């Protein structure tokens, strides 16, 4: 029997550039502390993860430089668009992330925001290593070859 899709779960924003710029070694799902106006703005779809990153500071995990559009109806009790937001993970996951970022070249990249089946906002964080220019070119060449191969197979 197939599962029915939940109307609460939906992808809010996705950082599509993350897989192009980084080698994603592992990922995890974290909760996020938001204000009410931020959640309402996310439900309307006004957000961007393009230039954001995550960092372990003071024994806590933070999402830095993520954009959530202001919610017009909450003009008195609104929020800052690019404020630091605390991410909620277990102590074991936090120590694993802290150890991973301590290694050379590893960083925490937010990959997507989504509502889970209960309607809560979750962030998918990737532990990643930056690609060099040659790696990016190789990825692009492989993607182009795969496209061309599919066209050739479809034509014959």
Protein backbone atom coordinates (compact mmCIF):
# COMPACT_ATOMS: atom_id res chain seq x y z
CA UNK A 1 0.00 0.00 0.00
CA UNK A 2 1.45 3.41 -0.95
CA UNK A 3 1.81 6.23 1.53
CA UNK A 4 -0.38 9.25 1.06
CA UNK A 5 1.50 12.51 0.72
CA UNK A 6 1.06 14.71 3.74
CA UNK A 7 -0.25 18.22 3.00
CA UNK A 8 1.93 19.63 5.82
CA UNK A 9 5.25 18.42 4.41
CA UNK A 10 6.71 20.59 1.68
CA UNK A 11 10.08 21.95 0.63
CA UNK A 12 10.40 25.65 1.43
CA UNK A 13 13.81 26.52 -0.01
CA UNK A 14 16.71 24.56 -1.45
CA UNK A 15 20.37 25.47 -1.84
CA UNK A 16 20.96 23.92 -5.26
CA UNK A 17 24.41 25.43 -5.53
CA UNK A 18 25.64 23.46 -2.49
CA UNK A 19 26.14 20.19 -4.43
CA UNK A 20 28.02 22.09 -7.16
CA UNK A 21 30.36 23.95 -4.79
CA UNK A 22 30.94 21.20 -2.20
CA UNK A 23 31.48 17.46 -1.82
CA UNK A 24 28.71 16.51 0.63
CA UNK A 25 30.05 13.77 2.92
CA UNK A 26 27.06 13.39 5.24
CA UNK A 27 23.92 15.23 6.18
CA UNK A 28 21.50 15.52 9.07
CA UNK A 29 18.16 17.08 9.82
CA UNK A 30 17.98 19.74 12.53
CA UNK A 31 15.18 21.71 14.08
CA UNK A 32 15.30 25.49 14.09
CA UNK A 33 14.12 28.13 16.56
CA UNK A 34 11.92 30.62 14.71
CA UNK A 35 9.59 33.47 15.58
CA UNK A 36 5.93 33.33 14.60
CA UNK A 37 6.30 35.92 11.85
CA UNK A 38 9.17 33.90 10.37
CA UNK A 39 7.08 30.73 10.18
CA UNK A 40 4.23 32.60 8.53
CA UNK A 41 6.64 34.13 6.02
CA UNK A 42 8.07 30.67 5.26
CA UNK A 43 4.56 29.35 4.64
CA UNK A 44 4.19 32.10 2.03
CA UNK A 45 7.51 31.04 0.49
CA UNK A 46 9.79 34.02 1.11
CA UNK A 47 13.21 32.63 1.95
CA UNK A 48 16.72 32.05 0.60
CA UNK A 49 19.56 29.77 1.73
CA UNK A 50 22.02 30.77 -0.99
CA UNK A 51 24.69 32.55 1.06
CA UNK A 52 24.07 30.97 4.44
CA UNK A 53 26.20 28.60 6.48
CA UNK A 54 26.07 26.85 9.85
CA UNK A 55 28.60 27.17 12.64
CA UNK A 56 29.25 25.60 16.05
CA UNK A 57 29.85 28.43 18.53
CA UNK A 58 29.78 28.24 22.31
CA UNK A 59 28.47 24.68 22.37
CA UNK A 60 25.49 25.58 20.14
CA UNK A 61 24.77 25.24 16.44
CA UNK A 62 23.80 28.43 14.59
CA UNK A 63 22.45 29.14 11.12
CA UNK A 64 24.05 32.36 9.89
CA UNK A 65 23.06 34.73 7.06
CA UNK A 66 19.90 32.93 5.98
CA UNK A 67 17.16 35.15 4.60
CA UNK A 68 13.49 35.06 5.59
CA UNK A 69 11.37 37.78 4.02
CA UNK A 70 9.52 40.10 6.40
CA UNK A 71 5.91 39.19 7.06
CA UNK A 72 3.90 42.27 6.11
CA UNK A 73 1.00 41.64 8.50
CA UNK A 74 3.39 41.51 11.50
CA UNK A 75 4.90 44.95 10.98
CA UNK A 76 4.91 45.76 14.73
CA UNK A 77 6.27 42.40 15.91
CA UNK A 78 8.25 41.46 12.85
CA UNK A 79 11.71 39.94 12.63
CA UNK A 80 15.14 40.76 11.23
CA UNK A 81 15.58 39.19 7.80
CA UNK A 82 19.14 37.91 8.28
CA UNK A 83 19.37 37.23 12.01
CA UNK A 84 21.30 34.31 13.48
CA UNK A 85 18.98 31.36 14.15
CA UNK A 86 19.69 28.59 16.62
CA UNK A 87 19.58 25.03 15.28
CA UNK A 88 18.42 22.19 17.50
CA UNK A 89 20.46 18.98 17.45
CA UNK A 90 21.38 16.36 20.04
CA UNK A 91 24.65 16.60 21.99
CA UNK A 92 26.05 13.61 20.11
CA UNK A 93 25.32 15.20 16.71
CA UNK A 94 26.71 18.53 17.90
CA UNK A 95 30.00 16.94 18.97
CA UNK A 96 30.21 15.06 15.64
CA UNK A 97 29.69 18.33 13.74
CA UNK A 98 32.22 20.16 15.89
CA UNK A 99 34.82 17.43 15.20
CA UNK A 100 34.05 17.51 11.47
CA UNK A 101 34.52 21.27 11.20
CA UNK A 102 37.79 20.99 13.13
CA UNK A 103 39.27 19.01 10.23
CA UNK A 104 40.86 20.79 7.28
CA UNK A 105 38.44 22.30 4.78
CA UNK A 106 35.18 20.96 6.26
CA UNK A 107 32.18 23.25 6.59
CA UNK A 108 28.48 23.01 7.45
CA UNK A 109 26.25 23.91 4.53
CA UNK A 110 22.46 24.24 4.83
CA UNK A 111 20.97 22.34 1.91
CA UNK A 112 17.21 22.76 2.31
CA UNK A 113 14.40 24.02 4.51
CA UNK A 114 11.22 22.01 4.66
CA UNK A 115 8.10 21.42 6.71
CA UNK A 116 8.00 17.87 8.09
CA UNK A 117 4.85 15.75 8.37
CA UNK A 118 3.91 17.46 11.66
CA UNK A 119 4.23 20.93 10.10
CA UNK A 120 7.51 21.84 11.84
CA UNK A 121 10.32 23.62 10.02
CA UNK A 122 13.45 21.50 9.61
CA UNK A 123 16.85 22.29 8.11
CA UNK A 124 18.93 19.73 6.24
CA UNK A 125 22.61 20.42 7.02
CA UNK A 126 25.44 18.88 5.00
CA UNK A 127 28.97 18.30 6.27
CA UNK A 128 30.93 19.30 3.19
CA UNK A 129 34.37 19.89 1.77
CA UNK A 130 34.86 22.66 -0.78
CA UNK A 131 35.55 21.78 -4.41
CA UNK A 132 38.42 23.23 -6.35
CA UNK A 133 37.85 24.76 -9.78
CA UNK A 134 39.05 21.61 -11.55
CA UNK A 135 36.58 19.49 -9.54
CA UNK A 136 33.73 21.81 -10.54
CA UNK A 137 34.74 21.53 -14.19
CA UNK A 138 34.85 17.74 -13.94
CA UNK A 139 31.38 17.67 -12.36
CA UNK A 140 30.02 19.89 -15.12
CA UNK A 141 31.67 17.78 -17.85
CA UNK A 142 30.24 14.58 -16.36
CA UNK A 143 26.75 16.12 -16.18
CA UNK A 144 26.99 17.26 -19.82
CA UNK A 145 28.17 13.83 -20.94
CA UNK A 146 25.30 12.14 -19.08
CA UNK A 147 22.81 14.46 -20.80
CA UNK A 148 24.34 13.79 -24.21
CA UNK A 149 24.36 10.04 -23.55
CA UNK A 150 20.65 10.12 -22.68
CA UNK A 151 19.89 12.04 -25.89
CA UNK A 152 21.82 9.48 -27.95
CA UNK A 153 20.03 6.55 -26.29
CA UNK A 154 16.67 8.24 -26.80
CA UNK A 155 17.37 8.90 -30.48
CA UNK A 156 18.27 5.28 -31.26
